[in-house]
Protein backbone atom coordinates (compact mmCIF):
# COMPACT_ATOMS: atom_id res chain seq x y z
CA UNK A 1 -8.60 0.60 -7.94
CA UNK A 2 -8.58 3.69 -10.40
CA UNK A 3 -9.26 3.29 -14.29
CA UNK A 4 -7.81 5.22 -17.05
CA UNK A 5 -4.60 6.31 -18.29
CA UNK A 6 -3.23 7.41 -15.14
CA UNK A 7 -4.67 4.27 -13.05
CA UNK A 8 -3.31 2.53 -15.22
CA UNK A 9 0.37 3.63 -14.95
CA UNK A 10 -0.30 4.02 -11.36
CA UNK A 11 -1.39 0.40 -11.08
CA UNK A 12 1.70 -0.85 -12.86
CA UNK A 13 4.37 1.79 -11.24
CA UNK A 14 2.93 0.37 -7.34
CA UNK A 15 2.89 -3.25 -9.09
CA UNK A 16 6.57 -2.82 -9.96
CA UNK A 17 7.92 -1.53 -6.49
CA UNK A 18 6.08 -4.24 -4.83
CA UNK A 19 8.28 -6.56 -7.26
CA UNK A 20 11.03 -5.25 -6.83
CA UNK A 21 10.07 -5.19 -3.12
CA UNK A 22 9.66 -8.95 -3.35
CA UNK A 23 12.95 -9.49 -4.90
CA UNK A 24 14.57 -7.94 -2.03
CA UNK A 25 12.92 -9.14 0.68
CA UNK A 26 11.25 -6.49 2.05
CA UNK A 27 7.91 -7.22 0.65
CA UNK A 28 5.92 -9.97 1.72
CA UNK A 29 5.35 -12.60 -1.23
CA UNK A 30 1.36 -12.51 -1.15
CA UNK A 31 1.11 -8.39 -1.10
CA UNK A 32 -0.51 -6.80 -3.84
CA UNK A 33 -1.49 -3.36 -5.76
CA UNK A 34 -4.79 -4.27 -3.80
CA UNK A 35 -3.50 -4.56 -0.53
CA UNK A 36 -1.38 -1.04 -1.02
CA UNK A 37 -4.78 0.53 -2.14
CA UNK A 38 -6.24 -0.37 1.33
CA UNK A 39 -3.53 0.29 3.18
CA UNK A 40 -3.91 3.87 1.51
CA UNK A 41 -7.53 4.09 1.15
CA UNK A 42 -7.83 3.57 5.15
CA UNK A 43 -4.88 5.92 6.08
CA UNK A 44 -6.85 8.72 4.04
CA UNK A 45 -10.17 8.01 5.85
CA UNK A 46 -8.59 8.39 9.04
CA UNK A 47 -6.47 11.44 7.72
CA UNK A 48 -9.90 13.10 6.50
CA UNK A 49 -12.31 12.45 9.66
CA UNK A 50 -9.39 13.05 12.30
CA UNK A 51 -10.45 10.03 13.78
CA UNK A 52 -6.99 8.10 15.11
CA UNK A 53 -3.38 7.92 14.80
CA UNK A 54 -2.38 8.04 11.31
CA UNK A 55 1.43 8.20 12.38
CA UNK A 56 0.20 4.60 14.30
CA UNK A 57 -1.33 3.09 11.15
CA UNK A 58 1.59 3.87 8.58
CA UNK A 59 3.87 1.62 11.83
CA UNK A 60 0.79 -1.04 11.14
CA UNK A 61 0.20 -1.26 7.74
CA UNK A 62 4.45 -1.32 6.71
CA UNK A 63 5.14 -3.71 9.62
CA UNK A 64 1.88 -5.63 7.61
CA UNK A 65 3.43 -5.42 4.78
CA UNK A 66 6.62 -7.61 5.93
CA UNK A 67 8.15 -10.48 5.10
CA UNK A 68 7.39 -13.16 8.19
């Protein structure tokens, strides 16, 4: 996770977006800020190393965040 003021603001913003998504029924009930950070980290690694299809990874990750 990020630290400092910017990290706190980012975490707060992502948390608010997750809560809005839960309320709208578009984010799974157990989705967390840490989940979003994990997805972003994985995506960053795939793009940086050119080790896979980042577009496919986004599709899979977003599908995983949707409610079942």
